[in-house]
Amino acid sequence: MLTSYAFDEVTRRLAAYASAVDSDEPGSRAAVAAILRAGAEGGGGEAEILFVRRAEHPTDPWSGHMALPGGRRDPSDATLADTAMREVLEEVGIDLLREGVLLARLPDHPAIFRGNRVGLVIAPFVFALRGDPEVRLNDEIAETIWTPLGPLARGEVGGTFPLTHGDEVFDVPFHDVRGRRVWGLTYQMLQKLFHALHA
């Protein structure tokens, strides 16, 4: 049972995780990156994870949401890991090819918007940073937040909030990250990350 979310222990466990492979789920493909870094105490410090808040945009169904950096696969991307790394470089200026280590690929996740699948399948990848590179945002991202992984994994920050869909009201789980809700697709992908850590 994992009780400490120290960076060294988290990265060791994820590197030993049996990474997922492409699913046969129909739909176009996208990839996101769960980026981890060591907290202020170095390798023995707690692992921190990077979230982005997407900029407000009328054509983006996840406009303004908290998310992991990433996006749709481009024809020039040889693999979905390449998609994740390209999108991270474009969105937050971190070159994962030089400054990161790929630890694991988590199971694919179908994108759902307002209760319906939208024909998009997301591949989540987990990377560890070697240092603390500067973050540089493009116009798709409003802000970034680093936050400790442990309180999220232990369920210490967050709860549920009511979400109306049609005639029904659902209690939707979320993590509270400095007053911002991490919910929906990102919340579900985090659950896959926590499952991998305890596998």
C-alpha atoms as a PDB file:
ATOM      1  CA  MET A   1       0.000   0.000   0.000  1.00  0.00           C
ATOM      2  CA  LEU A   2       1.414   3.367  -1.030  1.00  0.00           C
ATOM      3  CA  THR A   3       1.322   5.800   1.886  1.00  0.00           C
ATOM      4  CA  SER A   4       4.009   8.253   0.830  1.00  0.00           C
ATOM      5  CA  TYR A   5       3.772  10.279  -2.356  1.00  0.00           C
ATOM      6  CA  ALA A   6       7.443  11.220  -2.353  1.00  0.00           C
ATOM      7  CA  PHE A   7       8.645  11.955  -5.873  1.00  0.00           C
ATOM      8  CA  ASP A   8      11.198   9.116  -5.925  1.00  0.00           C
ATOM      9  CA  GLU A   9       8.665   6.525  -4.784  1.00  0.00           C
ATOM     10  CA  VAL A  10       5.937   7.726  -7.148  1.00  0.00           C
ATOM     11  CA  THR A  11       8.241   7.689 -10.160  1.00  0.00           C
ATOM     12  CA  ARG A  12       9.616   4.266  -9.234  1.00  0.00           C
ATOM     13  CA  ARG A  13       6.131   2.776  -9.015  1.00  0.00           C
ATOM     14  CA  LEU A  14       4.949   4.325 -12.271  1.00  0.00           C
ATOM     15  CA  ALA A  15       8.075   3.205 -14.132  1.00  0.00           C
ATOM     16  CA  ALA A  16       7.286  -0.369 -13.032  1.00  0.00           C
ATOM     17  CA  TYR A  17       3.621  -0.098 -14.093  1.00  0.00           C
ATOM     18  CA  ALA A  18       2.590  -2.231 -17.084  1.00  0.00           C
ATOM     19  CA  SER A  19       1.774   0.579 -19.507  1.00  0.00           C
ATOM     20  CA  ALA A  20      -1.410   0.446 -21.534  1.00  0.00           C
ATOM     21  CA  VAL A  21      -1.463   0.162 -25.332  1.00  0.00           C
ATOM     22  CA  ASP A  22      -3.694   1.624 -28.048  1.00  0.00           C
ATOM     23  CA  SER A  23      -7.297   0.578 -27.495  1.00  0.00           C
ATOM     24  CA  ASP A  24      -9.677  -0.419 -30.279  1.00  0.00           C
ATOM     25  CA  GLU A  25     -12.157   2.234 -29.125  1.00  0.00           C
ATOM     26  CA  PRO A  26     -13.461   3.987 -32.272  1.00  0.00           C
ATOM     27  CA  GLY A  27     -12.791   7.686 -32.734  1.00  0.00           C
ATOM     28  CA  SER A  28     -10.069  10.205 -33.465  1.00  0.00           C
ATOM     29  CA  ARG A  29      -7.140  10.380 -31.062  1.00  0.00           C
ATOM     30  CA  ALA A  30      -5.737  12.879 -28.592  1.00  0.00           C
ATOM     31  CA  ALA A  31      -3.126  12.697 -25.836  1.00  0.00           C
ATOM     32  CA  VAL A  32      -2.512  14.468 -22.538  1.00  0.00           C
ATOM     33  CA  ALA A  33       0.447  14.546 -20.159  1.00  0.00           C
ATOM     34  CA  ALA A  34       0.354  14.173 -16.395  1.00  0.00           C
ATOM     35  CA  ILE A  35       3.623  15.955 -15.592  1.00  0.00           C
ATOM     36  CA  LEU A  36       5.219  15.310 -12.200  1.00  0.00           C
ATOM     37  CA  ARG A  37       8.058  17.150 -10.492  1.00  0.00           C
ATOM     38  CA  ALA A  38       9.807  16.892  -7.141  1.00  0.00           C
ATOM     39  CA  GLY A  39       8.577  19.276  -4.481  1.00  0.00           C
ATOM     40  CA  ALA A  40      10.801  21.857  -2.810  1.00  0.00           C
ATOM     41  CA  GLU A  41      12.707  19.198  -0.858  1.00  0.00           C
ATOM     42  CA  GLY A  42      14.089  17.529  -3.997  1.00  0.00           C
ATOM     43  CA  GLY A  43      13.723  13.818  -4.751  1.00  0.00           C
ATOM     44  CA  GLY A  44      12.630  13.077  -1.189  1.00  0.00           C
ATOM     45  CA  GLY A  45       9.964  15.773  -1.394  1.00  0.00           C
ATOM     46  CA  GLU A  46       6.384  15.126  -2.358  1.00  0.00           C
ATOM     47  CA  ALA A  47       5.536  14.700  -6.014  1.00  0.00           C
ATOM     48  CA  GLU A  48       3.654  17.609  -7.554  1.00  0.00           C
ATOM     49  CA  ILE A  49       1.448  17.519 -10.662  1.00  0.00           C
ATOM     50  CA  LEU A  50       0.859  20.250 -13.232  1.00  0.00           C
ATOM     51  CA  PHE A  51      -2.640  21.421 -14.147  1.00  0.00           C
ATOM     52  CA  VAL A  52      -3.605  24.001 -16.732  1.00  0.00           C
ATOM     53  CA  ARG A  53      -6.730  26.131 -16.932  1.00  0.00           C
ATOM     54  CA  ARG A  54      -7.878  26.331 -20.503  1.00  0.00           C
ATOM     55  CA  ALA A  55      -8.516  29.796 -21.907  1.00  0.00           C
ATOM     56  CA  GLU A  56     -12.106  30.854 -22.529  1.00  0.00           C
ATOM     57  CA  HIS A  57     -13.009  30.109 -26.147  1.00  0.00           C
ATOM     58  CA  PRO A  58     -16.500  29.792 -27.697  1.00  0.00           C
ATOM     59  CA  THR A  59     -15.607  26.748 -29.841  1.00  0.00           C
ATOM     60  CA  ASP A  60     -13.908  24.768 -27.054  1.00  0.00           C
ATOM     61  CA  PRO A  61     -16.338  22.463 -25.170  1.00  0.00           C
ATOM     62  CA  TRP A  62     -13.888  22.411 -22.243  1.00  0.00           C
ATOM     63  CA  SER A  63     -13.341  26.179 -22.271  1.00  0.00           C
ATOM     64  CA  GLY A  64     -12.160  27.469 -18.908  1.00  0.00           C
ATOM     65  CA  HIS A  65     -11.813  23.970 -17.410  1.00  0.00           C
ATOM     66  CA  MET A  66      -8.908  22.705 -15.364  1.00  0.00           C
ATOM     67  CA  ALA A  67      -7.078  20.021 -17.335  1.00  0.00           C
ATOM     68  CA  LEU A  68      -3.864  18.209 -18.098  1.00  0.00           C
ATOM     69  CA  PRO A  69      -1.957  19.771 -21.004  1.00  0.00           C
ATOM     70  CA  GLY A  70      -2.513  18.033 -24.323  1.00  0.00           C
ATOM     71  CA  GLY A  71      -4.587  17.950 -27.463  1.00  0.00           C
ATOM     72  CA  ARG A  72      -5.490  16.190 -30.695  1.00  0.00           C
ATOM     73  CA  ARG A  73      -3.090  14.049 -32.661  1.00  0.00           C
ATOM     74  CA  ASP A  74      -1.526  15.740 -35.670  1.00  0.00           C
ATOM     75  CA  PRO A  75      -0.745  13.747 -38.847  1.00  0.00           C
ATOM     76  CA  SER A  76       2.936  14.581 -38.285  1.00  0.00           C
ATOM     77  CA  ASP A  77       2.961  12.847 -34.868  1.00  0.00           C
ATOM     78  CA  ALA A  78       4.591   9.419 -35.151  1.00  0.00           C
ATOM     79  CA  THR A  79       3.012   8.237 -31.877  1.00  0.00           C
ATOM     80  CA  LEU A  80       0.529   9.468 -29.312  1.00  0.00           C
ATOM     81  CA  ALA A  81       3.423  10.056 -26.916  1.00  0.00           C
ATOM     82  CA  ASP A  82       4.754  12.446 -29.560  1.00  0.00           C
ATOM     83  CA  THR A  83       1.347  14.137 -29.577  1.00  0.00           C
ATOM     84  CA  ALA A  84       1.491  14.642 -25.808  1.00  0.00           C
ATOM     85  CA  MET A  85       5.030  16.035 -25.950  1.00  0.00           C
ATOM     86  CA  ARG A  86       4.286  18.368 -28.874  1.00  0.00           C
ATOM     87  CA  GLU A  87       1.144  19.724 -27.207  1.00  0.00           C
ATOM     88  CA  VAL A  88       2.970  20.302 -23.905  1.00  0.00           C
ATOM     89  CA  LEU A  89       5.719  22.209 -25.701  1.00  0.00           C
ATOM     90  CA  GLU A  90       3.143  24.330 -27.551  1.00  0.00           C
ATOM     91  CA  GLU A  91       0.887  24.999 -24.557  1.00  0.00           C
ATOM     92  CA  VAL A  92       3.283  25.447 -21.641  1.00  0.00           C
ATOM     93  CA  GLY A  93       6.759  25.596 -23.208  1.00  0.00           C
ATOM     94  CA  ILE A  94       8.154  22.482 -21.493  1.00  0.00           C
ATOM     95  CA  ASP A  95      10.287  20.281 -23.769  1.00  0.00           C
ATOM     96  CA  LEU A  96       9.580  16.813 -22.388  1.00  0.00           C
ATOM     97  CA  LEU A  97      11.937  15.201 -24.877  1.00  0.00           C
ATOM     98  CA  ARG A  98      14.871  17.034 -23.239  1.00  0.00           C
ATOM     99  CA  GLU A  99      13.565  17.777 -19.746  1.00  0.00           C
ATOM    100  CA  GLY A 100      11.289  14.835 -18.990  1.00  0.00           C
ATOM    101  CA  VAL A 101      11.195  11.056 -18.662  1.00  0.00           C
ATOM    102  CA  LEU A 102       8.211   9.052 -19.898  1.00  0.00           C
ATOM    103  CA  LEU A 103       7.113   6.847 -17.002  1.00  0.00           C
ATOM    104  CA  ALA A 104       3.877   5.221 -18.131  1.00  0.00           C
ATOM    105  CA  ARG A 105       0.897   5.257 -20.441  1.00  0.00           C
ATOM    106  CA  LEU A 106      -2.460   4.974 -18.698  1.00  0.00           C
ATOM    107  CA  PRO A 107      -5.536   3.317 -20.272  1.00  0.00           C
ATOM    108  CA  ASP A 108      -7.266   5.260 -23.028  1.00  0.00           C
ATOM    109  CA  HIS A 109     -10.279   7.339 -22.066  1.00  0.00           C
ATOM    110  CA  PRO A 110     -13.240   8.221 -24.347  1.00  0.00           C
ATOM    111  CA  ALA A 111     -14.067  11.923 -24.280  1.00  0.00           C
ATOM    112  CA  ILE A 112     -17.575  12.660 -23.036  1.00  0.00           C
ATOM    113  CA  PHE A 113     -19.325  16.033 -23.220  1.00  0.00           C
ATOM    114  CA  ARG A 114     -22.712  16.594 -21.558  1.00  0.00           C
ATOM    115  CA  GLY A 115     -23.193  12.883 -21.114  1.00  0.00           C
ATOM    116  CA  ASN A 116     -22.420  11.916 -24.719  1.00  0.00           C
ATOM    117  CA  ARG A 117     -19.345  10.476 -26.386  1.00  0.00           C
ATOM    118  CA  VAL A 118     -17.878  12.896 -28.902  1.00  0.00           C
ATOM    119  CA  GLY A 119     -15.852  10.513 -31.069  1.00  0.00           C
ATOM    120  CA  LEU A 120     -12.521  11.317 -29.419  1.00  0.00           C
ATOM    121  CA  VAL A 121     -10.292   8.926 -27.458  1.00  0.00           C
ATOM    122  CA  ILE A 122      -7.645  10.370 -25.123  1.00  0.00           C
ATOM    123  CA  ALA A 123      -4.379   8.628 -24.262  1.00  0.00           C
ATOM    124  CA  PRO A 124      -2.951   9.832 -20.915  1.00  0.00           C
ATOM    125  CA  PHE A 125       0.824   9.663 -20.449  1.00  0.00           C
ATOM    126  CA  VAL A 126       2.789  10.268 -17.243  1.00  0.00           C
ATOM    127  CA  PHE A 127       6.119  12.118 -17.358  1.00  0.00           C
ATOM    128  CA  ALA A 128       8.623  13.046 -14.658  1.00  0.00           C
ATOM    129  CA  LEU A 129      10.637  16.243 -14.977  1.00  0.00           C
ATOM    130  CA  ARG A 130      14.394  16.124 -14.492  1.00  0.00           C
ATOM    131  CA  GLY A 131      14.500  19.707 -13.213  1.00  0.00           C
ATOM    132  CA  ASP A 132      12.212  22.693 -12.906  1.00  0.00           C
ATOM    133  CA  PRO A 133      11.930  24.226 -16.395  1.00  0.00           C
ATOM    134  CA  GLU A 134      10.290  27.575 -16.953  1.00  0.00           C
ATOM    135  CA  VAL A 135       6.621  27.489 -17.931  1.00  0.00           C
ATOM    136  CA  ARG A 136       5.647  29.667 -20.910  1.00  0.00           C
ATOM    137  CA  LEU A 137       1.957  29.778 -21.797  1.00  0.00           C
ATOM    138  CA  ASN A 138       0.447  30.104 -25.259  1.00  0.00           C
ATOM    139  CA  ASP A 139      -2.968  31.648 -25.919  1.00  0.00           C
ATOM    140  CA  GLU A 140      -4.800  28.340 -25.313  1.00  0.00           C
ATOM    141  CA  ILE A 141      -3.872  28.342 -21.621  1.00  0.00           C
ATOM    142  CA  ALA A 142      -4.979  30.906 -19.039  1.00  0.00           C
ATOM    143  CA  GLU A 143      -2.846  29.668 -16.122  1.00  0.00           C
ATOM    144  CA  THR A 144      -0.887  26.747 -14.697  1.00  0.00           C
ATOM    145  CA  ILE A 145      -0.907  25.361 -11.176  1.00  0.00           C
ATOM    146  CA  TRP A 146       1.500  22.917  -9.531  1.00  0.00           C
ATOM    147  CA  THR A 147      -0.094  21.073  -6.620  1.00  0.00           C
ATOM    148  CA  PRO A 148       0.968  18.171  -4.357  1.00  0.00           C
ATOM    149  CA  LEU A 149      -0.211  14.763  -5.593  1.00  0.00           C
ATOM    150  CA  GLY A 150      -0.779  13.184  -2.185  1.00  0.00           C
ATOM    151  CA  PRO A 151      -3.871  15.153  -1.039  1.00  0.00           C
ATOM    152  CA  LEU A 152      -5.546  14.436  -4.398  1.00  0.00           C
ATOM    153  CA  ALA A 153      -4.768  10.719  -4.258  1.00  0.00           C
ATOM    154  CA  ARG A 154      -5.960  10.459  -0.655  1.00  0.00           C
ATOM    155  CA  GLY A 155      -9.213  12.277  -1.426  1.00  0.00           C
ATOM    156  CA  GLU A 156      -8.460  15.057   1.047  1.00  0.00           C
ATOM    157  CA  VAL A 157      -9.334  17.996  -1.210  1.00  0.00           C
ATOM    158  CA  GLY A 158     -12.693  18.122  -2.913  1.00  0.00           C
ATOM    159  CA  GLY A 159     -16.031  16.414  -2.738  1.00  0.00           C
ATOM    160  CA  THR A 160     -19.049  16.552  -5.038  1.00  0.00           C
ATOM    161  CA  PHE A 161     -21.101  19.290  -6.677  1.00  0.00           C
ATOM    162  CA  PRO A 162     -24.552  19.161  -8.330  1.00  0.00           C
ATOM    163  CA  LEU A 163     -24.629  19.116 -12.130  1.00  0.00           C
ATOM    164  CA  THR A 164     -27.891  19.302 -14.070  1.00  0.00           C
ATOM    165  CA  HIS A 165     -28.138  17.234 -17.249  1.00  0.00           C
ATOM    166  CA  GLY A 166     -31.544  17.287 -18.903  1.00  0.00           C
ATOM    167  CA  ASP A 167     -34.088  16.690 -16.169  1.00  0.00           C
ATOM    168  CA  GLU A 168     -31.644  15.006 -13.810  1.00  0.00           C
ATOM    169  CA  VAL A 169     -29.214  16.343 -11.230  1.00  0.00           C
ATOM    170  CA  PHE A 170     -26.017  14.391 -10.608  1.00  0.00           C
ATOM    171  CA  ASP A 171     -23.500  14.622  -7.779  1.00  0.00           C
ATOM    172  CA  VAL A 172     -20.210  15.004  -9.633  1.00  0.00           C
ATOM    173  CA  PRO A 173     -16.903  14.309  -7.845  1.00  0.00           C
ATOM    174  CA  PHE A 174     -14.114  16.865  -8.037  1.00  0.00           C
ATOM    175  CA  HIS A 175     -10.738  17.809  -6.587  1.00  0.00           C
ATOM    176  CA  ASP A 176     -10.284  21.326  -5.224  1.00  0.00           C
ATOM    177  CA  VAL A 177      -7.010  22.779  -6.493  1.00  0.00           C
ATOM    178  CA  ARG A 178      -6.572  26.260  -5.013  1.00  0.00           C
ATOM    179  CA  GLY A 179     -10.278  26.976  -5.305  1.00  0.00           C
ATOM    180  CA  ARG A 180     -10.597  25.567  -8.839  1.00  0.00           C
ATOM    181  CA  ARG A 181     -12.541  22.414  -9.640  1.00  0.00           C
ATOM    182  CA  VAL A 182     -10.781  19.518 -11.333  1.00  0.00           C
ATOM    183  CA  TRP A 183     -13.613  17.294 -12.515  1.00  0.00           C
ATOM    184  CA  GLY A 184     -14.980  15.373 -15.486  1.00  0.00           C
ATOM    185  CA  LEU A 185     -12.426  13.867 -17.876  1.00  0.00           C
ATOM    186  CA  THR A 186      -9.426  15.120 -15.918  1.00  0.00           C
ATOM    187  CA  TYR A 187     -10.791  13.765 -12.626  1.00  0.00           C
ATOM    188  CA  GLN A 188     -11.392  10.367 -14.258  1.00  0.00           C
ATOM    189  CA  MET A 189      -7.893  10.237 -15.745  1.00  0.00           C
ATOM    190  CA  LEU A 190      -6.432  11.085 -12.348  1.00  0.00           C
ATOM    191  CA  GLN A 191      -8.267   8.076 -10.926  1.00  0.00           C
ATOM    192  CA  LYS A 192      -6.427   5.940 -13.494  1.00  0.00           C
ATOM    193  CA  LEU A 193      -3.152   7.474 -12.359  1.00  0.00           C
ATOM    194  CA  PHE A 194      -3.920   6.684  -8.720  1.00  0.00           C
ATOM    195  CA  HIS A 195      -4.912   3.116  -9.677  1.00  0.00           C
ATOM    196  CA  ALA A 196      -1.562   2.701 -11.458  1.00  0.00           C
ATOM    197  CA  LEU A 197       0.265   3.895  -8.350  1.00  0.00           C
ATOM    198  CA  HIS A 198      -1.466   1.267  -6.228  1.00  0.00           C
ATOM    199  CA  ALA A 199      -1.340  -1.575  -8.768  1.00  0.00           C
END
